[in-house]
Amino acid sequence: MKLLFAVAFTTATQGVLAPVQFATTPGWHTGTTKGRACPGVSASRCTQAWSWASTVRWKDCRMCVPHKTLRTLPRNGIIISVSRVHERPVVAKRQIEWPVRIRPQEITAGMEGVPNRYGVYQLFARLRGGDTVLLSAYFGRSHPTKADLAAANTQLRLARLR
């Protein structure tokens, strides 16, 4: 099954940001960015980092809505992009536990700028400790199969926060 998965994270551990670490999985590509200040503010106010894992190569800028990558996404493909942001004050109200689990009823057909033929999942929440998680998942069909969801959730379950 072809699957695209991108995930972004920052973590504030003794002042150092570390991206999420994905398990080495056959057929998957991965990438990360180092922690850096959020656009337009100082690093003491907000820091972020980005990671991704996919079965096809990432074709877009870091932390962008993956329009170019979506154009190459097969029907059974997936893109997941997650940012974990250390920000003060914390804005997200909803608190979650890691790992995140994507459920079929949380997926909509498309979103602004993304055609309805793609399924989209979005999450904005805070983790224990106060860091914010911004997660977007794009599926190659508006209603992903059980196998697609299982593959995406396996990658999320295996991803480690440092």
C-alpha atoms as a PDB file:
ATOM      1  CA  MET A   1       0.000   0.000   0.000  1.00  0.00           C
ATOM      2  CA  LYS A   2       1.343   3.407  -0.895  1.00  0.00           C
ATOM      3  CA  LEU A   3       1.025   5.791   1.964  1.00  0.00           C
ATOM      4  CA  LEU A   4       2.282   9.294   2.612  1.00  0.00           C
ATOM      5  CA  PHE A   5       2.807  10.453   6.084  1.00  0.00           C
ATOM      6  CA  ALA A   6       4.274  13.703   7.305  1.00  0.00           C
ATOM      7  CA  VAL A   7       4.525  14.693  10.871  1.00  0.00           C
ATOM      8  CA  ALA A   8       5.965  17.755  12.537  1.00  0.00           C
ATOM      9  CA  PHE A   9       6.843  18.236  16.162  1.00  0.00           C
ATOM     10  CA  THR A  10       8.758  20.429  18.524  1.00  0.00           C
ATOM     11  CA  THR A  11       9.538  19.540  22.058  1.00  0.00           C
ATOM     12  CA  ALA A  12      10.994  21.716  24.762  1.00  0.00           C
ATOM     13  CA  THR A  13      13.342  19.537  26.761  1.00  0.00           C
ATOM     14  CA  GLN A  14      15.719  21.605  28.847  1.00  0.00           C
ATOM     15  CA  GLY A  15      15.337  24.418  26.309  1.00  0.00           C
ATOM     16  CA  VAL A  16      16.201  22.218  23.299  1.00  0.00           C
ATOM     17  CA  LEU A  17      13.640  21.402  20.629  1.00  0.00           C
ATOM     18  CA  ALA A  18      13.735  17.906  19.180  1.00  0.00           C
ATOM     19  CA  PRO A  19      11.546  16.674  16.320  1.00  0.00           C
ATOM     20  CA  VAL A  20       9.480  13.525  16.687  1.00  0.00           C
ATOM     21  CA  GLN A  21      11.386  10.370  15.811  1.00  0.00           C
ATOM     22  CA  PHE A  22       9.664   7.849  13.556  1.00  0.00           C
ATOM     23  CA  ALA A  23      10.474   4.177  13.665  1.00  0.00           C
ATOM     24  CA  THR A  24      12.456   2.916  10.691  1.00  0.00           C
ATOM     25  CA  THR A  25       9.823   1.211   8.582  1.00  0.00           C
ATOM     26  CA  PRO A  26      10.476  -0.469   5.203  1.00  0.00           C
ATOM     27  CA  GLY A  27       9.115   1.599   2.332  1.00  0.00           C
ATOM     28  CA  TRP A  28       8.891   4.839   4.289  1.00  0.00           C
ATOM     29  CA  HIS A  29      10.852   8.074   3.774  1.00  0.00           C
ATOM     30  CA  THR A  30      11.371  10.489   6.677  1.00  0.00           C
ATOM     31  CA  GLY A  31      12.604  14.007   7.315  1.00  0.00           C
ATOM     32  CA  THR A  32      12.737  16.642  10.039  1.00  0.00           C
ATOM     33  CA  THR A  33      13.631  20.237  10.733  1.00  0.00           C
ATOM     34  CA  LYS A  34      15.502  21.490  13.767  1.00  0.00           C
ATOM     35  CA  GLY A  35      13.634  23.505  16.354  1.00  0.00           C
ATOM     36  CA  ARG A  36      13.428  27.207  15.528  1.00  0.00           C
ATOM     37  CA  ALA A  37      11.482  30.310  16.420  1.00  0.00           C
ATOM     38  CA  CYS A  38       7.932  30.492  15.123  1.00  0.00           C
ATOM     39  CA  PRO A  39       7.504  33.030  12.288  1.00  0.00           C
ATOM     40  CA  GLY A  40       7.349  36.614  13.500  1.00  0.00           C
ATOM     41  CA  VAL A  41       8.150  36.018  17.189  1.00  0.00           C
ATOM     42  CA  SER A  42      11.179  35.354  19.369  1.00  0.00           C
ATOM     43  CA  ALA A  43      12.228  31.822  20.276  1.00  0.00           C
ATOM     44  CA  SER A  44      11.526  32.632  23.931  1.00  0.00           C
ATOM     45  CA  ARG A  45       7.864  33.195  22.987  1.00  0.00           C
ATOM     46  CA  CYS A  46       7.360  30.314  20.519  1.00  0.00           C
ATOM     47  CA  THR A  47       9.444  27.498  19.021  1.00  0.00           C
ATOM     48  CA  GLN A  48       8.528  24.725  16.583  1.00  0.00           C
ATOM     49  CA  ALA A  49      10.040  21.824  14.613  1.00  0.00           C
ATOM     50  CA  TRP A  50       8.744  19.546  11.875  1.00  0.00           C
ATOM     51  CA  SER A  51       9.028  15.863  10.970  1.00  0.00           C
ATOM     52  CA  TRP A  52       7.527  13.655   8.317  1.00  0.00           C
ATOM     53  CA  ALA A  53       7.425  10.052   7.214  1.00  0.00           C
ATOM     54  CA  SER A  54       5.975   8.899   3.884  1.00  0.00           C
ATOM     55  CA  THR A  55       5.972   6.183   1.295  1.00  0.00           C
ATOM     56  CA  VAL A  56       6.419   8.826  -1.412  1.00  0.00           C
ATOM     57  CA  ARG A  57       8.809  11.737  -1.411  1.00  0.00           C
ATOM     58  CA  TRP A  58       7.731  15.052   0.103  1.00  0.00           C
ATOM     59  CA  LYS A  59       7.526  17.671  -2.673  1.00  0.00           C
ATOM     60  CA  ASP A  60       6.505  20.815  -0.771  1.00  0.00           C
ATOM     61  CA  CYS A  61       8.130  23.389   1.490  1.00  0.00           C
ATOM     62  CA  ARG A  62       8.460  22.495   5.152  1.00  0.00           C
ATOM     63  CA  MET A  63       5.255  22.838   7.135  1.00  0.00           C
ATOM     64  CA  CYS A  64       3.246  23.775   4.004  1.00  0.00           C
ATOM     65  CA  VAL A  65      -0.106  22.362   3.001  1.00  0.00           C
ATOM     66  CA  PRO A  66       1.251  19.609   0.724  1.00  0.00           C
ATOM     67  CA  HIS A  67      -0.383  20.616  -2.580  1.00  0.00           C
ATOM     68  CA  LYS A  68       2.403  19.233  -4.824  1.00  0.00           C
ATOM     69  CA  THR A  69       2.630  16.015  -2.829  1.00  0.00           C
ATOM     70  CA  LEU A  70      -1.166  15.606  -2.921  1.00  0.00           C
ATOM     71  CA  ARG A  71      -1.047  15.667  -6.732  1.00  0.00           C
ATOM     72  CA  THR A  72       1.134  12.509  -6.634  1.00  0.00           C
ATOM     73  CA  LEU A  73      -0.856  10.802  -3.869  1.00  0.00           C
ATOM     74  CA  PRO A  74      -2.443   7.481  -4.873  1.00  0.00           C
ATOM     75  CA  ARG A  75      -5.967   6.629  -3.685  1.00  0.00           C
ATOM     76  CA  ASN A  76      -4.573   4.552  -0.831  1.00  0.00           C
ATOM     77  CA  GLY A  77      -2.000   7.202   0.103  1.00  0.00           C
ATOM     78  CA  ILE A  78      -1.787   9.318   3.230  1.00  0.00           C
ATOM     79  CA  ILE A  79      -0.027  12.519   4.237  1.00  0.00           C
ATOM     80  CA  ILE A  80       0.195  13.455   7.894  1.00  0.00           C
ATOM     81  CA  SER A  81       1.802  16.716   8.945  1.00  0.00           C
ATOM     82  CA  VAL A  82       2.116  17.561  12.639  1.00  0.00           C
ATOM     83  CA  SER A  83       3.667  20.514  14.407  1.00  0.00           C
ATOM     84  CA  ARG A  84       4.355  20.424  18.111  1.00  0.00           C
ATOM     85  CA  VAL A  85       4.880  23.966  19.254  1.00  0.00           C
ATOM     86  CA  HIS A  86       6.275  25.199  22.577  1.00  0.00           C
ATOM     87  CA  GLU A  87       4.401  28.477  22.997  1.00  0.00           C
ATOM     88  CA  ARG A  88       3.658  30.839  25.858  1.00  0.00           C
ATOM     89  CA  PRO A  89       0.909  31.490  26.615  1.00  0.00           C
ATOM     90  CA  VAL A  90      -0.680  28.202  25.548  1.00  0.00           C
ATOM     91  CA  VAL A  91      -3.704  28.806  23.296  1.00  0.00           C
ATOM     92  CA  ALA A  92      -5.090  25.282  22.745  1.00  0.00           C
ATOM     93  CA  LYS A  93      -7.907  24.392  25.152  1.00  0.00           C
ATOM     94  CA  ARG A  94      -8.382  20.688  24.363  1.00  0.00           C
ATOM     95  CA  GLN A  95      -5.852  18.355  26.020  1.00  0.00           C
ATOM     96  CA  ILE A  96      -4.863  15.008  24.475  1.00  0.00           C
ATOM     97  CA  GLU A  97      -2.540  12.095  25.217  1.00  0.00           C
ATOM     98  CA  TRP A  98       0.101  10.870  22.781  1.00  0.00           C
ATOM     99  CA  PRO A  99      -0.171   8.892  20.575  1.00  0.00           C
ATOM    100  CA  VAL A 100      -2.997  10.467  18.607  1.00  0.00           C
ATOM    101  CA  ARG A 101      -5.489   8.064  16.995  1.00  0.00           C
ATOM    102  CA  ILE A 102      -7.325   9.121  13.850  1.00  0.00           C
ATOM    103  CA  ARG A 103     -10.923   7.885  13.725  1.00  0.00           C
ATOM    104  CA  PRO A 104     -12.968   7.672  10.501  1.00  0.00           C
ATOM    105  CA  GLN A 105     -15.765   9.913  11.801  1.00  0.00           C
ATOM    106  CA  GLU A 106     -13.217  12.737  12.301  1.00  0.00           C
ATOM    107  CA  ILE A 107     -12.314  12.856   8.584  1.00  0.00           C
ATOM    108  CA  THR A 108     -14.018  15.306   6.222  1.00  0.00           C
ATOM    109  CA  ALA A 109     -13.988  15.515   2.424  1.00  0.00           C
ATOM    110  CA  GLY A 110     -11.497  18.252   1.530  1.00  0.00           C
ATOM    111  CA  MET A 111     -10.966  21.660   3.086  1.00  0.00           C
ATOM    112  CA  GLU A 112     -10.181  25.147   1.844  1.00  0.00           C
ATOM    113  CA  GLY A 113      -7.609  24.702  -0.937  1.00  0.00           C
ATOM    114  CA  VAL A 114      -7.778  20.882  -0.857  1.00  0.00           C
ATOM    115  CA  PRO A 115     -10.218  19.136  -3.259  1.00  0.00           C
ATOM    116  CA  ASN A 116     -13.085  17.061  -1.844  1.00  0.00           C
ATOM    117  CA  ARG A 117     -11.635  13.881  -3.340  1.00  0.00           C
ATOM    118  CA  TYR A 118      -9.140  13.850  -0.423  1.00  0.00           C
ATOM    119  CA  GLY A 119     -10.073  12.967   3.141  1.00  0.00           C
ATOM    120  CA  VAL A 120      -8.784  15.482   5.700  1.00  0.00           C
ATOM    121  CA  TYR A 121      -8.263  15.156   9.454  1.00  0.00           C
ATOM    122  CA  GLN A 122      -7.272  18.165  11.578  1.00  0.00           C
ATOM    123  CA  LEU A 123      -6.363  18.452  15.259  1.00  0.00           C
ATOM    124  CA  PHE A 124      -5.361  21.454  17.368  1.00  0.00           C
ATOM    125  CA  ALA A 125      -4.738  20.469  20.991  1.00  0.00           C
ATOM    126  CA  ARG A 126      -2.224  20.528  23.819  1.00  0.00           C
ATOM    127  CA  LEU A 127      -0.217  17.698  25.274  1.00  0.00           C
ATOM    128  CA  ARG A 128       0.453  17.152  28.949  1.00  0.00           C
ATOM    129  CA  GLY A 129       3.121  19.708  29.749  1.00  0.00           C
ATOM    130  CA  GLY A 130       1.431  22.361  27.624  1.00  0.00           C
ATOM    131  CA  ASP A 131       2.999  22.014  24.160  1.00  0.00           C
ATOM    132  CA  THR A 132       0.574  22.456  21.260  1.00  0.00           C
ATOM    133  CA  VAL A 133      -0.007  19.822  18.578  1.00  0.00           C
ATOM    134  CA  LEU A 134      -1.218  20.845  15.115  1.00  0.00           C
ATOM    135  CA  LEU A 135      -1.939  17.728  13.082  1.00  0.00           C
ATOM    136  CA  SER A 136      -3.317  17.504   9.550  1.00  0.00           C
ATOM    137  CA  ALA A 137      -3.824  14.207   7.764  1.00  0.00           C
ATOM    138  CA  TYR A 138      -4.693  13.958   4.081  1.00  0.00           C
ATOM    139  CA  PHE A 139      -5.940  10.668   2.665  1.00  0.00           C
ATOM    140  CA  GLY A 140      -5.952   9.765  -1.048  1.00  0.00           C
ATOM    141  CA  ARG A 141      -9.713   9.242  -0.966  1.00  0.00           C
ATOM    142  CA  SER A 142     -12.443  11.125   0.875  1.00  0.00           C
ATOM    143  CA  HIS A 143     -13.349   7.980   2.845  1.00  0.00           C
ATOM    144  CA  PRO A 144     -10.106   6.129   3.687  1.00  0.00           C
ATOM    145  CA  THR A 145     -10.169   2.373   4.038  1.00  0.00           C
ATOM    146  CA  LYS A 146      -9.639   0.544   7.323  1.00  0.00           C
ATOM    147  CA  ALA A 147      -6.176  -0.407   6.042  1.00  0.00           C
ATOM    148  CA  ASP A 148      -5.330   3.264   5.345  1.00  0.00           C
ATOM    149  CA  LEU A 149      -6.402   4.277   8.854  1.00  0.00           C
ATOM    150  CA  ALA A 150      -4.535   1.366  10.419  1.00  0.00           C
ATOM    151  CA  ALA A 151      -1.322   2.308   8.600  1.00  0.00           C
ATOM    152  CA  ALA A 152      -1.578   5.975   9.624  1.00  0.00           C
ATOM    153  CA  ASN A 153      -2.380   5.094  13.229  1.00  0.00           C
ATOM    154  CA  THR A 154       0.506   2.608  13.357  1.00  0.00           C
ATOM    155  CA  GLN A 155       2.931   5.334  12.287  1.00  0.00           C
ATOM    156  CA  LEU A 156       1.525   7.688  14.933  1.00  0.00           C
ATOM    157  CA  ARG A 157       1.728   4.971  17.590  1.00  0.00           C
ATOM    158  CA  LEU A 158       5.372   4.215  16.742  1.00  0.00           C
ATOM    159  CA  ALA A 159       6.416   7.881  16.587  1.00  0.00           C
ATOM    160  CA  ARG A 160       8.353   8.909  19.709  1.00  0.00           C
ATOM    161  CA  LEU A 161       8.449  12.271  21.411  1.00  0.00           C
ATOM    162  CA  ARG A 162      11.764  13.103  23.022  1.00  0.00           C
END
